Amino acid sequence: MKSETAEKVAKCLTDNNIPFSGRINGDKTTLTIGQKNVEDYKAAVATVTGKEKQQKEKVSEVAEKFP
């Protein structure tokens, strides 16, 4: 992921006491998260990238198609 995004995700993880490690390689960064914290990581990424709201909207759109 881009380093700018990774920094925001790292701050979110740190603020929520979620352990992780990271490695910066130029403009790309790799974050490593333990298996038990994967969902927390995904939530942090969704929050930082703004995809959390889009995901909820997509679920609502799909739900409306069913009677």
PDB file of N, CA and C in Angstrom:
ATOM      1  N   MET A   1       0.846  -1.166   0.000  1.00  0.00           N
ATOM      2  CA  MET A   1       0.000   0.000   0.000  1.00  0.00           C
ATOM      3  C   MET A   1       0.888   1.224   0.000  1.00  0.00           C
ATOM      4  N   LYS A   2       0.343   2.325  -0.437  1.00  0.00           N
ATOM      5  CA  LYS A   2       1.122   3.556  -0.472  1.00  0.00           C
ATOM      6  C   LYS A   2       1.487   3.961   0.952  1.00  0.00           C
ATOM      7  N   SER A   3       2.676   4.528   1.087  1.00  0.00           N
ATOM      8  CA  SER A   3       3.177   4.889   2.417  1.00  0.00           C
ATOM      9  C   SER A   3       2.272   5.887   3.127  1.00  0.00           C
ATOM     10  N   GLU A   4       1.702   6.813   2.384  1.00  0.00           N
ATOM     11  CA  GLU A   4       0.815   7.805   2.994  1.00  0.00           C
ATOM     12  C   GLU A   4      -0.395   7.126   3.646  1.00  0.00           C
ATOM     13  N   THR A   5      -0.984   6.181   2.946  1.00  0.00           N
ATOM     14  CA  THR A   5      -2.121   5.431   3.479  1.00  0.00           C
ATOM     15  C   THR A   5      -1.683   4.561   4.651  1.00  0.00           C
ATOM     16  N   ALA A   6      -0.538   3.912   4.503  1.00  0.00           N
ATOM     17  CA  ALA A   6      -0.034   3.028   5.555  1.00  0.00           C
ATOM     18  C   ALA A   6       0.206   3.797   6.853  1.00  0.00           C
ATOM     19  N   GLU A   7       0.688   5.026   6.749  1.00  0.00           N
ATOM     20  CA  GLU A   7       0.913   5.835   7.954  1.00  0.00           C
ATOM     21  C   GLU A   7      -0.401   6.087   8.688  1.00  0.00           C
ATOM     22  N   LYS A   8      -1.451   6.363   7.941  1.00  0.00           N
ATOM     23  CA  LYS A   8      -2.761   6.603   8.556  1.00  0.00           C
ATOM     24  C   LYS A   8      -3.308   5.326   9.187  1.00  0.00           C
ATOM     25  N   VAL A   9      -3.144   4.209   8.485  1.00  0.00           N
ATOM     26  CA  VAL A   9      -3.594   2.919   9.020  1.00  0.00           C
ATOM     27  C   VAL A   9      -2.798   2.598  10.281  1.00  0.00           C
ATOM     28  N   ALA A  10      -1.489   2.818  10.244  1.00  0.00           N
ATOM     29  CA  ALA A  10      -0.640   2.547  11.409  1.00  0.00           C
ATOM     30  C   ALA A  10      -1.076   3.380  12.604  1.00  0.00           C
ATOM     31  N   LYS A  11      -1.429   4.637  12.366  1.00  0.00           N
ATOM     32  CA  LYS A  11      -1.892   5.488  13.471  1.00  0.00           C
ATOM     33  C   LYS A  11      -3.184   4.934  14.057  1.00  0.00           C
ATOM     34  N   CYS A  12      -4.081   4.515  13.198  1.00  0.00           N
ATOM     35  CA  CYS A  12      -5.356   3.939  13.648  1.00  0.00           C
ATOM     36  C   CYS A  12      -5.112   2.672  14.473  1.00  0.00           C
ATOM     37  N   LEU A  13      -4.220   1.804  13.990  1.00  0.00           N
ATOM     38  CA  LEU A  13      -3.897   0.580  14.719  1.00  0.00           C
ATOM     39  C   LEU A  13      -3.258   0.903  16.067  1.00  0.00           C
ATOM     40  N   THR A  14      -2.326   1.843  16.068  1.00  0.00           N
ATOM     41  CA  THR A  14      -1.645   2.235  17.306  1.00  0.00           C
ATOM     42  C   THR A  14      -2.639   2.822  18.305  1.00  0.00           C
ATOM     43  N   ASP A  15      -3.517   3.695  17.820  1.00  0.00           N
ATOM     44  CA  ASP A  15      -4.516   4.321  18.695  1.00  0.00           C
ATOM     45  C   ASP A  15      -5.439   3.298  19.332  1.00  0.00           C
ATOM     46  N   ASN A  16      -5.614   2.148  18.672  1.00  0.00           N
ATOM     47  CA  ASN A  16      -6.495   1.098  19.185  1.00  0.00           C
ATOM     48  C   ASN A  16      -5.733  -0.068  19.804  1.00  0.00           C
ATOM     49  N   ASN A  17      -4.443   0.151  20.076  1.00  0.00           N
ATOM     50  CA  ASN A  17      -3.584  -0.860  20.718  1.00  0.00           C
ATOM     51  C   ASN A  17      -3.572  -2.198  19.981  1.00  0.00           C
ATOM     52  N   ILE A  18      -3.536  -2.131  18.661  1.00  0.00           N
ATOM     53  CA  ILE A  18      -3.470  -3.338  17.836  1.00  0.00           C
ATOM     54  C   ILE A  18      -2.020  -3.506  17.390  1.00  0.00           C
ATOM     55  N   PRO A  19      -1.376  -4.604  17.782  1.00  0.00           N
ATOM     56  CA  PRO A  19       0.034  -4.800  17.438  1.00  0.00           C
ATOM     57  C   PRO A  19       0.249  -5.062  15.942  1.00  0.00           C
ATOM     58  N   PHE A  20       1.300  -4.483  15.396  1.00  0.00           N
ATOM     59  CA  PHE A  20       1.655  -4.677  13.995  1.00  0.00           C
ATOM     60  C   PHE A  20       3.119  -4.300  13.818  1.00  0.00           C
ATOM     61  N   SER A  21       3.652  -4.647  12.670  1.00  0.00           N
ATOM     62  CA  SER A  21       4.981  -4.167  12.306  1.00  0.00           C
ATOM     63  C   SER A  21       4.894  -3.686  10.875  1.00  0.00           C
ATOM     64  N   GLY A  22       5.858  -2.882  10.462  1.00  0.00           N
ATOM     65  CA  GLY A  22       5.812  -2.341   9.116  1.00  0.00           C
ATOM     66  C   GLY A  22       7.189  -2.153   8.528  1.00  0.00           C
ATOM     67  N   ARG A  23       7.220  -2.098   7.199  1.00  0.00           N
ATOM     68  CA  ARG A  23       8.468  -1.871   6.488  1.00  0.00           C
ATOM     69  C   ARG A  23       8.184  -0.919   5.330  1.00  0.00           C
ATOM     70  N   ILE A  24       8.939   0.172   5.292  1.00  0.00           N
ATOM     71  CA  ILE A  24       8.795   1.159   4.231  1.00  0.00           C
ATOM     72  C   ILE A  24       9.828   0.858   3.155  1.00  0.00           C
ATOM     73  N   ASN A  25       9.376   0.804   1.901  1.00  0.00           N
ATOM     74  CA  ASN A  25      10.256   0.559   0.772  1.00  0.00           C
ATOM     75  C   ASN A  25       9.916   1.589  -0.303  1.00  0.00           C
ATOM     76  N   GLY A  26      10.551   2.735  -0.233  1.00  0.00           N
ATOM     77  CA  GLY A  26      10.239   3.813  -1.171  1.00  0.00           C
ATOM     78  C   GLY A  26       8.873   4.399  -0.874  1.00  0.00           C
ATOM     79  N   ASP A  27       8.008   4.404  -1.884  1.00  0.00           N
ATOM     80  CA  ASP A  27       6.673   4.946  -1.677  1.00  0.00           C
ATOM     81  C   ASP A  27       5.649   3.868  -1.326  1.00  0.00           C
ATOM     82  N   LYS A  28       6.116   2.645  -1.129  1.00  0.00           N
ATOM     83  CA  LYS A  28       5.243   1.534  -0.737  1.00  0.00           C
ATOM     84  C   LYS A  28       5.604   1.058   0.670  1.00  0.00           C
ATOM     85  N   THR A  29       4.613   0.609   1.397  1.00  0.00           N
ATOM     86  CA  THR A  29       4.812   0.130   2.763  1.00  0.00           C
ATOM     87  C   THR A  29       4.070  -1.190   2.942  1.00  0.00           C
ATOM     88  N   THR A  30       4.693  -2.081   3.686  1.00  0.00           N
ATOM     89  CA  THR A  30       4.067  -3.356   4.031  1.00  0.00           C
ATOM     90  C   THR A  30       3.804  -3.364   5.526  1.00  0.00           C
ATOM     91  N   LEU A  31       2.573  -3.670   5.908  1.00  0.00           N
ATOM     92  CA  LEU A  31       2.227  -3.815   7.320  1.00  0.00           C
ATOM     93  C   LEU A  31       1.961  -5.288   7.591  1.00  0.00           C
ATOM     94  N   THR A  32       2.455  -5.777   8.712  1.00  0.00           N
ATOM     95  CA  THR A  32       2.239  -7.163   9.108  1.00  0.00           C
ATOM     96  C   THR A  32       1.413  -7.170  10.380  1.00  0.00           C
ATOM     97  N   ILE A  33       0.304  -7.897  10.332  1.00  0.00           N
ATOM     98  CA  ILE A  33      -0.641  -7.959  11.444  1.00  0.00           C
ATOM     99  C   ILE A  33      -0.863  -9.416  11.798  1.00  0.00           C
ATOM    100  N   GLY A  34      -0.959  -9.718  13.087  1.00  0.00           N
ATOM    101  CA  GLY A  34      -1.229 -11.083  13.528  1.00  0.00           C
ATOM    102  C   GLY A  34      -2.607 -11.538  13.089  1.00  0.00           C
ATOM    103  N   GLN A  35      -2.771 -12.836  12.933  1.00  0.00           N
ATOM    104  CA  GLN A  35      -4.020 -13.419  12.440  1.00  0.00           C
ATOM    105  C   GLN A  35      -5.242 -12.972  13.245  1.00  0.00           C
ATOM    106  N   LYS A  36      -5.100 -12.876  14.564  1.00  0.00           N
ATOM    107  CA  LYS A  36      -6.265 -12.520  15.380  1.00  0.00           C
ATOM    108  C   LYS A  36      -6.684 -11.052  15.224  1.00  0.00           C
ATOM    109  N   ASN A  37      -5.846 -10.238  14.566  1.00  0.00           N
ATOM    110  CA  ASN A  37      -6.153  -8.821  14.384  1.00  0.00           C
ATOM    111  C   ASN A  37      -6.453  -8.448  12.933  1.00  0.00           C
ATOM    112  N   VAL A  38      -6.644  -9.431  12.078  1.00  0.00           N
ATOM    113  CA  VAL A  38      -6.869  -9.159  10.657  1.00  0.00           C
ATOM    114  C   VAL A  38      -8.138  -8.329  10.447  1.00  0.00           C
ATOM    115  N   GLU A  39      -9.207  -8.664  11.143  1.00  0.00           N
ATOM    116  CA  GLU A  39     -10.454  -7.910  10.979  1.00  0.00           C
ATOM    117  C   GLU A  39     -10.287  -6.465  11.440  1.00  0.00           C
ATOM    118  N   ASP A  40      -9.523  -6.260  12.518  1.00  0.00           N
ATOM    119  CA  ASP A  40      -9.253  -4.894  12.978  1.00  0.00           C
ATOM    120  C   ASP A  40      -8.464  -4.125  11.925  1.00  0.00           C
ATOM    121  N   TYR A  41      -7.501  -4.797  11.290  1.00  0.00           N
ATOM    122  CA  TYR A  41      -6.707  -4.180  10.229  1.00  0.00           C
ATOM    123  C   TYR A  41      -7.607  -3.804   9.051  1.00  0.00           C
ATOM    124  N   LYS A  42      -8.465  -4.711   8.643  1.00  0.00           N
ATOM    125  CA  LYS A  42      -9.359  -4.434   7.523  1.00  0.00           C
ATOM    126  C   LYS A  42     -10.272  -3.250   7.833  1.00  0.00           C
ATOM    127  N   ALA A  43     -10.749  -3.183   9.054  1.00  0.00           N
ATOM    128  CA  ALA A  43     -11.600  -2.065   9.464  1.00  0.00           C
ATOM    129  C   ALA A  43     -10.822  -0.752   9.429  1.00  0.00           C
ATOM    130  N   ALA A  44      -9.570  -0.784   9.871  1.00  0.00           N
ATOM    131  CA  ALA A  44      -8.731   0.418   9.853  1.00  0.00           C
ATOM    132  C   ALA A  44      -8.499   0.878   8.420  1.00  0.00           C
ATOM    133  N   VAL A  45      -8.204  -0.049   7.520  1.00  0.00           N
ATOM    134  CA  VAL A  45      -7.986   0.304   6.116  1.00  0.00           C
ATOM    135  C   VAL A  45      -9.263   0.895   5.518  1.00  0.00           C
ATOM    136  N   ALA A  46     -10.391   0.280   5.803  1.00  0.00           N
ATOM    137  CA  ALA A  46     -11.667   0.778   5.282  1.00  0.00           C
ATOM    138  C   ALA A  46     -11.953   2.184   5.793  1.00  0.00           C
ATOM    139  N   THR A  47     -11.671   2.424   7.048  1.00  0.00           N
ATOM    140  CA  THR A  47     -11.903   3.742   7.634  1.00  0.00           C
ATOM    141  C   THR A  47     -10.995   4.781   6.990  1.00  0.00           C
ATOM    142  N   VAL A  48      -9.726   4.452   6.861  1.00  0.00           N
ATOM    143  CA  VAL A  48      -8.744   5.394   6.316  1.00  0.00           C
ATOM    144  C   VAL A  48      -9.007   5.684   4.838  1.00  0.00           C
ATOM    145  N   THR A  49      -9.373   4.685   4.074  1.00  0.00           N
ATOM    146  CA  THR A  49      -9.563   4.867   2.636  1.00  0.00           C
ATOM    147  C   THR A  49     -10.963   5.347   2.273  1.00  0.00           C
ATOM    148  N   GLY A  50     -11.864   5.364   3.251  1.00  0.00           N
ATOM    149  CA  GLY A  50     -13.229   5.807   2.993  1.00  0.00           C
ATOM    150  C   GLY A  50     -14.092   4.733   2.366  1.00  0.00           C
ATOM    151  N   LYS A  51     -13.595   3.518   2.292  1.00  0.00           N
ATOM    152  CA  LYS A  51     -14.361   2.438   1.668  1.00  0.00           C
ATOM    153  C   LYS A  51     -15.391   1.852   2.616  1.00  0.00           C
ATOM    154  N   GLU A  52     -15.301   2.205   3.881  1.00  0.00           N
ATOM    155  CA  GLU A  52     -16.263   1.705   4.866  1.00  0.00           C
ATOM    156  C   GLU A  52     -17.671   2.152   4.467  1.00  0.00           C
ATOM    157  N   LYS A  53     -17.825   3.419   4.133  1.00  0.00           N
ATOM    158  CA  LYS A  53     -19.118   3.956   3.757  1.00  0.00           C
ATOM    159  C   LYS A  53     -19.591   3.333   2.450  1.00  0.00           C
ATOM    160  N   GLN A  54     -18.706   3.195   1.471  1.00  0.00           N
ATOM    161  CA  GLN A  54     -19.069   2.608   0.193  1.00  0.00           C
ATOM    162  C   GLN A  54     -19.545   1.182   0.382  1.00  0.00           C
ATOM    163  N   GLN A  55     -18.873   0.422   1.245  1.00  0.00           N
ATOM    164  CA  GLN A  55     -19.243  -0.971   1.480  1.00  0.00           C
ATOM    165  C   GLN A  55     -20.660  -1.043   2.046  1.00  0.00           C
ATOM    166  N   LYS A  56     -20.992  -0.175   3.003  1.00  0.00           N
ATOM    167  CA  LYS A  56     -22.328  -0.167   3.580  1.00  0.00           C
ATOM    168  C   LYS A  56     -23.365   0.182   2.527  1.00  0.00           C
ATOM    169  N   GLU A  57     -23.024   1.127   1.641  1.00  0.00           N
ATOM    170  CA  GLU A  57     -23.948   1.511   0.588  1.00  0.00           C
ATOM    171  C   GLU A  57     -24.188   0.346  -0.362  1.00  0.00           C
ATOM    172  N   LYS A  58     -23.146  -0.399  -0.699  1.00  0.00           N
ATOM    173  CA  LYS A  58     -23.293  -1.547  -1.593  1.00  0.00           C
ATOM    174  C   LYS A  58     -24.186  -2.602  -0.961  1.00  0.00           C
ATOM    175  N   VAL A  59     -24.039  -2.853   0.319  1.00  0.00           N
ATOM    176  CA  VAL A  59     -24.879  -3.831   1.015  1.00  0.00           C
ATOM    177  C   VAL A  59     -26.332  -3.382   0.959  1.00  0.00           C
ATOM    178  N   SER A  60     -26.581  -2.091   1.147  1.00  0.00           N
ATOM    179  CA  SER A  60     -27.940  -1.574   1.094  1.00  0.00           C
ATOM    180  C   SER A  60     -28.531  -1.742  -0.302  1.00  0.00           C
ATOM    181  N   GLU A  61     -27.715  -1.478  -1.326  1.00  0.00           N
ATOM    182  CA  GLU A  61     -28.188  -1.622  -2.704  1.00  0.00           C
ATOM    183  C   GLU A  61     -28.561  -3.070  -2.994  1.00  0.00           C
ATOM    184  N   VAL A  62     -27.759  -4.003  -2.561  1.00  0.00           N
ATOM    185  CA  VAL A  62     -28.029  -5.429  -2.782  1.00  0.00           C
ATOM    186  C   VAL A  62     -29.274  -5.838  -2.005  1.00  0.00           C
ATOM    187  N   ALA A  63     -29.390  -5.379  -0.767  1.00  0.00           N
ATOM    188  CA  ALA A  63     -30.532  -5.736   0.076  1.00  0.00           C
ATOM    189  C   ALA A  63     -31.853  -5.248  -0.539  1.00  0.00           C
ATOM    190  N   GLU A  64     -31.804  -4.093  -1.213  1.00  0.00           N
ATOM    191  CA  GLU A  64     -33.021  -3.549  -1.818  1.00  0.00           C
ATOM    192  C   GLU A  64     -33.518  -4.410  -2.978  1.00  0.00           C
ATOM    193  N   LYS A  65     -32.647  -5.185  -3.581  1.00  0.00           N
ATOM    194  CA  LYS A  65     -33.029  -6.019  -4.719  1.00  0.00           C
ATOM    195  C   LYS A  65     -33.803  -7.260  -4.295  1.00  0.00           C
ATOM    196  N   PHE A  66     -33.727  -7.604  -3.018  1.00  0.00           N
ATOM    197  CA  PHE A  66     -34.423  -8.794  -2.522  1.00  0.00           C
ATOM    198  C   PHE A  66     -35.734  -8.386  -1.888  1.00  0.00           C
ATOM    199  N   PRO A  67     -36.767  -9.206  -2.080  1.00  0.00           N
ATOM    200  CA  PRO A  67     -38.089  -8.862  -1.494  1.00  0.00           C
ATOM    201  C   PRO A  67     -38.101  -8.965   0.016  1.00  0.00           C
TER     202      PRO A  67
END
